[in-house]
Amino acid sequence: IEKVVQPIFFHVAVEGIIPGEVEIHTA
């Protein structure tokens, strides 16, 4: 599930909607 959720959140974060998520997922 993480493999599917990670790219989704990353894509959303990349858009700039959730910059905080980027740090959490990339960290």
PDB file of N, CA and C in Angstrom:
ATOM      1  N   ILE A   1       0.850  -1.207   0.000  1.00  0.00           N
ATOM      2  CA  ILE A   1       0.000   0.000   0.000  1.00  0.00           C
ATOM      3  C   ILE A   1       0.882   1.252   0.000  1.00  0.00           C
ATOM      4  N   GLU A   2       1.958   1.225   0.776  1.00  0.00           N
ATOM      5  CA  GLU A   2       2.846   2.393   0.851  1.00  0.00           C
ATOM      6  C   GLU A   2       3.372   2.771  -0.531  1.00  0.00           C
ATOM      7  N   LYS A   3       3.711   1.760  -1.327  1.00  0.00           N
ATOM      8  CA  LYS A   3       4.257   2.042  -2.670  1.00  0.00           C
ATOM      9  C   LYS A   3       3.232   2.795  -3.514  1.00  0.00           C
ATOM     10  N   VAL A   4       1.960   2.530  -3.272  1.00  0.00           N
ATOM     11  CA  VAL A   4       0.916   3.194  -4.054  1.00  0.00           C
ATOM     12  C   VAL A   4       0.615   4.571  -3.471  1.00  0.00           C
ATOM     13  N   VAL A   5       0.609   4.669  -2.150  1.00  0.00           N
ATOM     14  CA  VAL A   5       0.287   5.938  -1.479  1.00  0.00           C
ATOM     15  C   VAL A   5       1.443   6.920  -1.591  1.00  0.00           C
ATOM     16  N   GLN A   6       2.658   6.419  -1.472  1.00  0.00           N
ATOM     17  CA  GLN A   6       3.829   7.310  -1.521  1.00  0.00           C
ATOM     18  C   GLN A   6       3.875   8.146  -2.796  1.00  0.00           C
ATOM     19  N   PRO A   7       3.797   7.545  -3.976  1.00  0.00           N
ATOM     20  CA  PRO A   7       3.842   8.315  -5.220  1.00  0.00           C
ATOM     21  C   PRO A   7       2.690   9.317  -5.307  1.00  0.00           C
ATOM     22  N   ILE A   8       1.529   8.936  -4.782  1.00  0.00           N
ATOM     23  CA  ILE A   8       0.360   9.828  -4.831  1.00  0.00           C
ATOM     24  C   ILE A   8       0.619  11.061  -3.978  1.00  0.00           C
ATOM     25  N   PHE A   9       1.076  10.836  -2.745  1.00  0.00           N
ATOM     26  CA  PHE A   9       1.354  11.955  -1.846  1.00  0.00           C
ATOM     27  C   PHE A   9       2.509  12.781  -2.390  1.00  0.00           C
ATOM     28  N   PHE A  10       3.523  12.111  -2.932  1.00  0.00           N
ATOM     29  CA  PHE A  10       4.684  12.812  -3.471  1.00  0.00           C
ATOM     30  C   PHE A  10       4.253  13.719  -4.615  1.00  0.00           C
ATOM     31  N   HIS A  11       3.403  13.195  -5.485  1.00  0.00           N
ATOM     32  CA  HIS A  11       2.931  13.976  -6.632  1.00  0.00           C
ATOM     33  C   HIS A  11       2.149  15.191  -6.145  1.00  0.00           C
ATOM     34  N   VAL A  12       1.300  14.984  -5.162  1.00  0.00           N
ATOM     35  CA  VAL A  12       0.492  16.079  -4.608  1.00  0.00           C
ATOM     36  C   VAL A  12       1.409  17.092  -3.955  1.00  0.00           C
ATOM     37  N   ALA A  13       2.409  16.598  -3.227  1.00  0.00           N
ATOM     38  CA  ALA A  13       3.342  17.480  -2.541  1.00  0.00           C
ATOM     39  C   ALA A  13       4.152  18.266  -3.570  1.00  0.00           C
ATOM     40  N   VAL A  14       4.540  17.591  -4.652  1.00  0.00           N
ATOM     41  CA  VAL A  14       5.322  18.240  -5.705  1.00  0.00           C
ATOM     42  C   VAL A  14       4.536  19.415  -6.278  1.00  0.00           C
ATOM     43  N   GLU A  15       3.238  19.251  -6.367  1.00  0.00           N
ATOM     44  CA  GLU A  15       2.380  20.313  -6.895  1.00  0.00           C
ATOM     45  C   GLU A  15       2.480  21.552  -6.021  1.00  0.00           C
ATOM     46  N   GLY A  16       2.852  21.354  -4.754  1.00  0.00           N
ATOM     47  CA  GLY A  16       2.982  22.492  -3.857  1.00  0.00           C
ATOM     48  C   GLY A  16       1.766  22.640  -2.954  1.00  0.00           C
ATOM     49  N   ILE A  17       0.865  21.668  -3.060  1.00  0.00           N
ATOM     50  CA  ILE A  17      -0.348  21.728  -2.237  1.00  0.00           C
ATOM     51  C   ILE A  17      -0.004  21.350  -0.798  1.00  0.00           C
ATOM     52  N   ILE A  18       0.865  20.334  -0.666  1.00  0.00           N
ATOM     53  CA  ILE A  18       1.224  19.881   0.678  1.00  0.00           C
ATOM     54  C   ILE A  18       2.749  19.799   0.781  1.00  0.00           C
ATOM     55  N   PRO A  19       3.448  20.943   0.885  1.00  0.00           N
ATOM     56  CA  PRO A  19       4.903  20.960   0.975  1.00  0.00           C
ATOM     57  C   PRO A  19       5.401  20.210   2.199  1.00  0.00           C
ATOM     58  N   GLY A  20       4.603  20.201   3.256  1.00  0.00           N
ATOM     59  CA  GLY A  20       4.989  19.504   4.479  1.00  0.00           C
ATOM     60  C   GLY A  20       5.086  17.996   4.236  1.00  0.00           C
ATOM     61  N   GLU A  21       4.203  17.470   3.398  1.00  0.00           N
ATOM     62  CA  GLU A  21       4.211  16.039   3.109  1.00  0.00           C
ATOM     63  C   GLU A  21       5.501  15.640   2.404  1.00  0.00           C
ATOM     64  N   VAL A  22       6.028  16.553   1.586  1.00  0.00           N
ATOM     65  CA  VAL A  22       7.246  16.247   0.838  1.00  0.00           C
ATOM     66  C   VAL A  22       8.369  15.887   1.804  1.00  0.00           C
ATOM     67  N   GLU A  23       8.561  16.699   2.808  1.00  0.00           N
ATOM     68  CA  GLU A  23       9.640  16.465   3.767  1.00  0.00           C
ATOM     69  C   GLU A  23       9.426  15.152   4.499  1.00  0.00           C
ATOM     70  N   ILE A  24       8.172  14.849   4.826  1.00  0.00           N
ATOM     71  CA  ILE A  24       7.873  13.629   5.572  1.00  0.00           C
ATOM     72  C   ILE A  24       8.146  12.392   4.718  1.00  0.00           C
ATOM     73  N   HIS A  25       7.662  12.405   3.466  1.00  0.00           N
ATOM     74  CA  HIS A  25       7.828  11.240   2.598  1.00  0.00           C
ATOM     75  C   HIS A  25       9.262  11.100   2.090  1.00  0.00           C
ATOM     76  N   THR A  26       9.909  12.223   1.819  1.00  0.00           N
ATOM     77  CA  THR A  26      11.264  12.150   1.284  1.00  0.00           C
ATOM     78  C   THR A  26      12.268  11.882   2.400  1.00  0.00           C
ATOM     79  N   ALA A  27      11.937  12.321   3.616  1.00  0.00           N
ATOM     80  CA  ALA A  27      12.879  12.174   4.728  1.00  0.00           C
ATOM     81  C   ALA A  27      13.202  10.705   4.961  1.00  0.00           C
TER      82      ALA A  27
END
